[in-house]
Amino acid sequence: NIKCIFTEVSLKEFYEGSSSYDEVK
């Protein structure tokens, strides 16, 4: 139900348990 998403992404784990850009994509 969402048309557009603007989100922070990261190529490296800066925060414990964070997801990578590739995982988000």
PDB file of all heavy atoms in Angstrom:
ATOM      1  N   ASN A   1       0.814  -1.216   0.000  1.00  0.00           N
ATOM      2  CA  ASN A   1       0.000   0.000   0.000  1.00  0.00           C
ATOM      3  C   ASN A   1       0.852   1.273   0.000  1.00  0.00           C
ATOM      4  O   ASN A   1       0.335   2.365   0.143  1.00  0.00           O
ATOM      5  CB  ASN A   1      -0.929   0.023   1.221  1.00  0.00           C
ATOM      6  CG  ASN A   1      -1.895  -1.126   1.199  1.00  0.00           C
ATOM      7  OD1 ASN A   1      -1.551  -2.231   1.613  1.00  0.00           O
ATOM      8  ND2 ASN A   1      -3.093  -0.897   0.723  1.00  0.00           N
ATOM      9  N   ILE A   2       2.148   1.115  -0.160  1.00  0.00           N
ATOM     10  CA  ILE A   2       3.067   2.255  -0.190  1.00  0.00           C
ATOM     11  C   ILE A   2       3.504   2.480  -1.633  1.00  0.00           C
ATOM     12  O   ILE A   2       3.907   1.548  -2.314  1.00  0.00           O
ATOM     13  CB  ILE A   2       4.292   2.000   0.710  1.00  0.00           C
ATOM     14  CG1 ILE A   2       3.857   1.750   2.157  1.00  0.00           C
ATOM     15  CG2 ILE A   2       5.276   3.164   0.618  1.00  0.00           C
ATOM     16  CD1 ILE A   2       4.984   1.286   3.063  1.00  0.00           C
ATOM     17  N   LYS A   3       3.434   3.733  -2.090  1.00  0.00           N
ATOM     18  CA  LYS A   3       3.837   4.050  -3.462  1.00  0.00           C
ATOM     19  C   LYS A   3       5.336   4.316  -3.579  1.00  0.00           C
ATOM     20  O   LYS A   3       5.966   3.901  -4.543  1.00  0.00           O
ATOM     21  CB  LYS A   3       3.063   5.255  -3.974  1.00  0.00           C
ATOM     22  CG  LYS A   3       1.586   4.993  -4.144  1.00  0.00           C
ATOM     23  CD  LYS A   3       0.877   6.240  -4.618  1.00  0.00           C
ATOM     24  CE  LYS A   3      -0.626   6.006  -4.654  1.00  0.00           C
ATOM     25  NZ  LYS A   3      -1.347   7.243  -4.961  1.00  0.00           N
ATOM     26  N   CYS A   4       5.909   5.054  -2.620  1.00  0.00           N
ATOM     27  CA  CYS A   4       7.320   5.436  -2.683  1.00  0.00           C
ATOM     28  C   CYS A   4       7.967   5.277  -1.311  1.00  0.00           C
ATOM     29  O   CYS A   4       7.347   5.571  -0.291  1.00  0.00           O
ATOM     30  CB  CYS A   4       7.465   6.893  -3.108  1.00  0.00           C
ATOM     31  SG  CYS A   4       6.732   7.286  -4.696  1.00  0.00           S
ATOM     32  N   ILE A   5       9.218   4.828  -1.328  1.00  0.00           N
ATOM     33  CA  ILE A   5       9.983   4.669  -0.091  1.00  0.00           C
ATOM     34  C   ILE A   5      11.318   5.387  -0.241  1.00  0.00           C
ATOM     35  O   ILE A   5      12.056   5.155  -1.195  1.00  0.00           O
ATOM     36  CB  ILE A   5      10.240   3.176   0.220  1.00  0.00           C
ATOM     37  CG1 ILE A   5       8.923   2.453   0.487  1.00  0.00           C
ATOM     38  CG2 ILE A   5      11.214   3.029   1.385  1.00  0.00           C
ATOM     39  CD1 ILE A   5       9.074   0.946   0.652  1.00  0.00           C
ATOM     40  N   PHE A   6      11.597   6.256   0.721  1.00  0.00           N
ATOM     41  CA  PHE A   6      12.901   6.909   0.828  1.00  0.00           C
ATOM     42  C   PHE A   6      13.493   6.386   2.125  1.00  0.00           C
ATOM     43  O   PHE A   6      12.880   6.528   3.188  1.00  0.00           O
ATOM     44  CB  PHE A   6      12.726   8.433   0.877  1.00  0.00           C
ATOM     45  CG  PHE A   6      14.026   9.182   0.821  1.00  0.00           C
ATOM     46  CD1 PHE A   6      14.590   9.509  -0.405  1.00  0.00           C
ATOM     47  CD2 PHE A   6      14.683   9.560   1.972  1.00  0.00           C
ATOM     48  CE1 PHE A   6      15.783  10.212  -0.467  1.00  0.00           C
ATOM     49  CE2 PHE A   6      15.879  10.256   1.921  1.00  0.00           C
ATOM     50  CZ  PHE A   6      16.432  10.588   0.694  1.00  0.00           C
ATOM     51  N   THR A   7      14.653   5.760   2.059  1.00  0.00           N
ATOM     52  CA  THR A   7      15.190   5.113   3.253  1.00  0.00           C
ATOM     53  C   THR A   7      16.707   5.213   3.331  1.00  0.00           C
ATOM     54  O   THR A   7      17.391   5.260   2.302  1.00  0.00           O
ATOM     55  CB  THR A   7      14.753   3.633   3.312  1.00  0.00           C
ATOM     56  OG1 THR A   7      15.138   3.069   4.563  1.00  0.00           O
ATOM     57  CG2 THR A   7      15.333   2.814   2.184  1.00  0.00           C
ATOM     58  N   GLU A   8      17.196   5.233   4.544  1.00  0.00           N
ATOM     59  CA  GLU A   8      18.636   5.169   4.764  1.00  0.00           C
ATOM     60  C   GLU A   8      19.100   3.747   4.445  1.00  0.00           C
ATOM     61  O   GLU A   8      18.401   2.782   4.747  1.00  0.00           O
ATOM     62  CB  GLU A   8      18.960   5.509   6.221  1.00  0.00           C
ATOM     63  CG  GLU A   8      20.444   5.535   6.498  1.00  0.00           C
ATOM     64  CD  GLU A   8      20.757   5.887   7.934  1.00  0.00           C
ATOM     65  OE1 GLU A   8      20.152   5.287   8.852  1.00  0.00           O
ATOM     66  OE2 GLU A   8      21.611   6.760   8.132  1.00  0.00           O
ATOM     67  N   VAL A   9      20.272   3.642   3.837  1.00  0.00           N
ATOM     68  CA  VAL A   9      20.848   2.334   3.506  1.00  0.00           C
ATOM     69  C   VAL A   9      22.337   2.357   3.836  1.00  0.00           C
ATOM     70  O   VAL A   9      22.949   3.420   3.936  1.00  0.00           O
ATOM     71  CB  VAL A   9      20.639   1.974   2.014  1.00  0.00           C
ATOM     72  CG1 VAL A   9      19.175   1.748   1.717  1.00  0.00           C
ATOM     73  CG2 VAL A   9      21.211   3.037   1.096  1.00  0.00           C
ATOM     74  N   SER A  10      22.895   1.165   3.989  1.00  0.00           N
ATOM     75  CA  SER A  10      24.295   1.067   4.353  1.00  0.00           C
ATOM     76  C   SER A  10      24.943  -0.133   3.669  1.00  0.00           C
ATOM     77  O   SER A  10      24.342  -1.195   3.568  1.00  0.00           O
ATOM     78  CB  SER A  10      24.407   0.916   5.872  1.00  0.00           C
ATOM     79  OG  SER A  10      25.739   0.732   6.240  1.00  0.00           O
ATOM     80  N   LEU A  11      26.150   0.063   3.213  1.00  0.00           N
ATOM     81  CA  LEU A  11      26.908  -1.027   2.602  1.00  0.00           C
ATOM     82  C   LEU A  11      27.695  -1.830   3.630  1.00  0.00           C
ATOM     83  O   LEU A  11      28.276  -2.851   3.306  1.00  0.00           O
ATOM     84  CB  LEU A  11      27.869  -0.462   1.544  1.00  0.00           C
ATOM     85  CG  LEU A  11      27.208   0.240   0.355  1.00  0.00           C
ATOM     86  CD1 LEU A  11      28.270   0.839  -0.559  1.00  0.00           C
ATOM     87  CD2 LEU A  11      26.314  -0.723  -0.416  1.00  0.00           C
ATOM     88  N   LYS A  12      27.715  -1.356   4.859  1.00  0.00           N
ATOM     89  CA  LYS A  12      28.459  -2.027   5.927  1.00  0.00           C
ATOM     90  C   LYS A  12      27.629  -1.958   7.205  1.00  0.00           C
ATOM     91  O   LYS A  12      26.790  -1.082   7.363  1.00  0.00           O
ATOM     92  CB  LYS A  12      29.824  -1.353   6.058  1.00  0.00           C
ATOM     93  CG  LYS A  12      30.304  -1.031   7.382  1.00  0.00           C
ATOM     94  CD  LYS A  12      31.656  -0.354   7.391  1.00  0.00           C
ATOM     95  CE  LYS A  12      32.083  -0.228   8.827  1.00  0.00           C
ATOM     96  NZ  LYS A  12      33.369   0.275   9.058  1.00  0.00           N
ATOM     97  N   GLU A  13      27.865  -2.891   8.103  1.00  0.00           N
ATOM     98  CA  GLU A  13      27.108  -2.928   9.363  1.00  0.00           C
ATOM     99  C   GLU A  13      27.684  -1.899  10.340  1.00  0.00           C
ATOM    100  O   GLU A  13      28.678  -2.134  11.004  1.00  0.00           O
ATOM    101  CB  GLU A  13      27.156  -4.328   9.978  1.00  0.00           C
ATOM    102  CG  GLU A  13      26.297  -4.446  11.211  1.00  0.00           C
ATOM    103  CD  GLU A  13      26.305  -5.847  11.817  1.00  0.00           C
ATOM    104  OE1 GLU A  13      26.879  -6.777  11.228  1.00  0.00           O
ATOM    105  OE2 GLU A  13      25.733  -5.990  12.900  1.00  0.00           O
ATOM    106  N   PHE A  14      27.016  -0.744  10.398  1.00  0.00           N
ATOM    107  CA  PHE A  14      27.412   0.291  11.345  1.00  0.00           C
ATOM    108  C   PHE A  14      26.756   0.061  12.703  1.00  0.00           C
ATOM    109  O   PHE A  14      27.263   0.491  13.726  1.00  0.00           O
ATOM    110  CB  PHE A  14      27.017   1.683  10.837  1.00  0.00           C
ATOM    111  CG  PHE A  14      27.903   2.180   9.736  1.00  0.00           C
ATOM    112  CD1 PHE A  14      27.508   2.080   8.414  1.00  0.00           C
ATOM    113  CD2 PHE A  14      29.136   2.749  10.021  1.00  0.00           C
ATOM    114  CE1 PHE A  14      28.326   2.540   7.391  1.00  0.00           C
ATOM    115  CE2 PHE A  14      29.955   3.215   9.008  1.00  0.00           C
ATOM    116  CZ  PHE A  14      29.553   3.105   7.678  1.00  0.00           C
ATOM    117  N   TYR A  15      25.597  -0.581  12.697  1.00  0.00           N
ATOM    118  CA  TYR A  15      24.836  -0.830  13.917  1.00  0.00           C
ATOM    119  C   TYR A  15      24.611  -2.331  14.042  1.00  0.00           C
ATOM    120  O   TYR A  15      24.289  -3.001  13.061  1.00  0.00           O
ATOM    121  CB  TYR A  15      23.479  -0.112  13.869  1.00  0.00           C
ATOM    122  CG  TYR A  15      23.609   1.351  13.551  1.00  0.00           C
ATOM    123  CD1 TYR A  15      23.341   1.828  12.274  1.00  0.00           C
ATOM    124  CD2 TYR A  15      24.014   2.260  14.530  1.00  0.00           C
ATOM    125  CE1 TYR A  15      23.463   3.181  11.988  1.00  0.00           C
ATOM    126  CE2 TYR A  15      24.142   3.606  14.245  1.00  0.00           C
ATOM    127  CZ  TYR A  15      23.863   4.060  12.966  1.00  0.00           C
ATOM    128  OH  TYR A  15      23.987   5.392  12.680  1.00  0.00           O
ATOM    129  N   GLU A  16      24.765  -2.856  15.248  1.00  0.00           N
ATOM    130  CA  GLU A  16      24.588  -4.286  15.487  1.00  0.00           C
ATOM    131  C   GLU A  16      23.194  -4.725  15.041  1.00  0.00           C
ATOM    132  O   GLU A  16      22.188  -4.119  15.405  1.00  0.00           O
ATOM    133  CB  GLU A  16      24.768  -4.593  16.965  1.00  0.00           C
ATOM    134  CG  GLU A  16      24.732  -6.065  17.278  1.00  0.00           C
ATOM    135  CD  GLU A  16      24.979  -6.353  18.744  1.00  0.00           C
ATOM    136  OE1 GLU A  16      25.675  -5.558  19.404  1.00  0.00           O
ATOM    137  OE2 GLU A  16      24.468  -7.377  19.212  1.00  0.00           O
ATOM    138  N   GLY A  17      23.160  -5.770  14.222  1.00  0.00           N
ATOM    139  CA  GLY A  17      21.892  -6.315  13.756  1.00  0.00           C
ATOM    140  C   GLY A  17      21.281  -5.590  12.583  1.00  0.00           C
ATOM    141  O   GLY A  17      20.167  -5.909  12.156  1.00  0.00           O
ATOM    142  N   SER A  18      21.987  -4.611  12.035  1.00  0.00           N
ATOM    143  CA  SER A  18      21.437  -3.868  10.904  1.00  0.00           C
ATOM    144  C   SER A  18      21.491  -4.695   9.627  1.00  0.00           C
ATOM    145  O   SER A  18      22.237  -5.658   9.517  1.00  0.00           O
ATOM    146  CB  SER A  18      22.198  -2.553  10.715  1.00  0.00           C
ATOM    147  OG  SER A  18      23.548  -2.791  10.379  1.00  0.00           O
ATOM    148  N   SER A  19      20.661  -4.306   8.674  1.00  0.00           N
ATOM    149  CA  SER A  19      20.589  -5.002   7.387  1.00  0.00           C
ATOM    150  C   SER A  19      21.403  -4.250   6.342  1.00  0.00           C
ATOM    151  O   SER A  19      21.505  -3.026   6.389  1.00  0.00           O
ATOM    152  CB  SER A  19      19.135  -5.090   6.924  1.00  0.00           C
ATOM    153  OG  SER A  19      18.371  -5.794   7.866  1.00  0.00           O
ATOM    154  N   SER A  20      21.933  -4.994   5.394  1.00  0.00           N
ATOM    155  CA  SER A  20      22.722  -4.379   4.329  1.00  0.00           C
ATOM    156  C   SER A  20      21.809  -3.783   3.252  1.00  0.00           C
ATOM    157  O   SER A  20      20.630  -4.142   3.139  1.00  0.00           O
ATOM    158  CB  SER A  20      23.642  -5.418   3.681  1.00  0.00           C
ATOM    159  OG  SER A  20      22.883  -6.326   2.900  1.00  0.00           O
ATOM    160  N   TYR A  21      22.380  -2.914   2.473  1.00  0.00           N
ATOM    161  CA  TYR A  21      21.668  -2.312   1.343  1.00  0.00           C
ATOM    162  C   TYR A  21      21.142  -3.397   0.413  1.00  0.00           C
ATOM    163  O   TYR A  21      19.998  -3.340  -0.039  1.00  0.00           O
ATOM    164  CB  TYR A  21      22.606  -1.350   0.625  1.00  0.00           C
ATOM    165  CG  TYR A  21      22.018  -0.552  -0.506  1.00  0.00           C
ATOM    166  CD1 TYR A  21      20.651  -0.336  -0.631  1.00  0.00           C
ATOM    167  CD2 TYR A  21      22.846   0.024  -1.451  1.00  0.00           C
ATOM    168  CE1 TYR A  21      20.133   0.427  -1.665  1.00  0.00           C
ATOM    169  CE2 TYR A  21      22.345   0.786  -2.487  1.00  0.00           C
ATOM    170  CZ  TYR A  21      20.990   0.985  -2.594  1.00  0.00           C
ATOM    171  OH  TYR A  21      20.486   1.740  -3.627  1.00  0.00           O
ATOM    172  N   ASP A  22      21.969  -4.397   0.136  1.00  0.00           N
ATOM    173  CA  ASP A  22      21.541  -5.487  -0.747  1.00  0.00           C
ATOM    174  C   ASP A  22      20.321  -6.224  -0.194  1.00  0.00           C
ATOM    175  O   ASP A  22      19.416  -6.590  -0.944  1.00  0.00           O
ATOM    176  CB  ASP A  22      22.680  -6.474  -1.001  1.00  0.00           C
ATOM    177  CG  ASP A  22      23.728  -5.930  -1.949  1.00  0.00           C
ATOM    178  OD1 ASP A  22      23.401  -5.028  -2.760  1.00  0.00           O
ATOM    179  OD2 ASP A  22      24.875  -6.398  -1.897  1.00  0.00           O
ATOM    180  N   GLU A  23      20.284  -6.442   1.119  1.00  0.00           N
ATOM    181  CA  GLU A  23      19.131  -7.109   1.736  1.00  0.00           C
ATOM    182  C   GLU A  23      17.869  -6.261   1.596  1.00  0.00           C
ATOM    183  O   GLU A  23      16.790  -6.780   1.292  1.00  0.00           O
ATOM    184  CB  GLU A  23      19.398  -7.392   3.215  1.00  0.00           C
ATOM    185  CG  GLU A  23      20.446  -8.454   3.454  1.00  0.00           C
ATOM    186  CD  GLU A  23      20.821  -8.563   4.917  1.00  0.00           C
ATOM    187  OE1 GLU A  23      21.197  -7.534   5.524  1.00  0.00           O
ATOM    188  OE2 GLU A  23      20.740  -9.696   5.443  1.00  0.00           O
ATOM    189  N   VAL A  24      18.011  -4.959   1.794  1.00  0.00           N
ATOM    190  CA  VAL A  24      16.868  -4.047   1.654  1.00  0.00           C
ATOM    191  C   VAL A  24      16.370  -4.053   0.208  1.00  0.00           C
ATOM    192  O   VAL A  24      15.174  -4.183  -0.043  1.00  0.00           O
ATOM    193  CB  VAL A  24      17.233  -2.617   2.108  1.00  0.00           C
ATOM    194  CG1 VAL A  24      16.133  -1.629   1.762  1.00  0.00           C
ATOM    195  CG2 VAL A  24      17.537  -2.592   3.600  1.00  0.00           C
ATOM    196  N   LYS A  25      17.303  -3.928  -0.746  1.00  0.00           N
ATOM    197  CA  LYS A  25      16.919  -3.928  -2.169  1.00  0.00           C
ATOM    198  C   LYS A  25      16.202  -5.217  -2.548  1.00  0.00           C
ATOM    199  O   LYS A  25      15.173  -5.186  -3.224  1.00  0.00           O
ATOM    200  CB  LYS A  25      18.156  -3.761  -3.065  1.00  0.00           C
ATOM    201  CG  LYS A  25      18.645  -2.352  -3.168  1.00  0.00           C
ATOM    202  CD  LYS A  25      19.666  -2.175  -4.282  1.00  0.00           C
ATOM    203  CE  LYS A  25      20.983  -2.810  -3.931  1.00  0.00           C
ATOM    204  NZ  LYS A  25      22.067  -2.472  -4.860  1.00  0.00           N
TER     205      LYS A  25
END
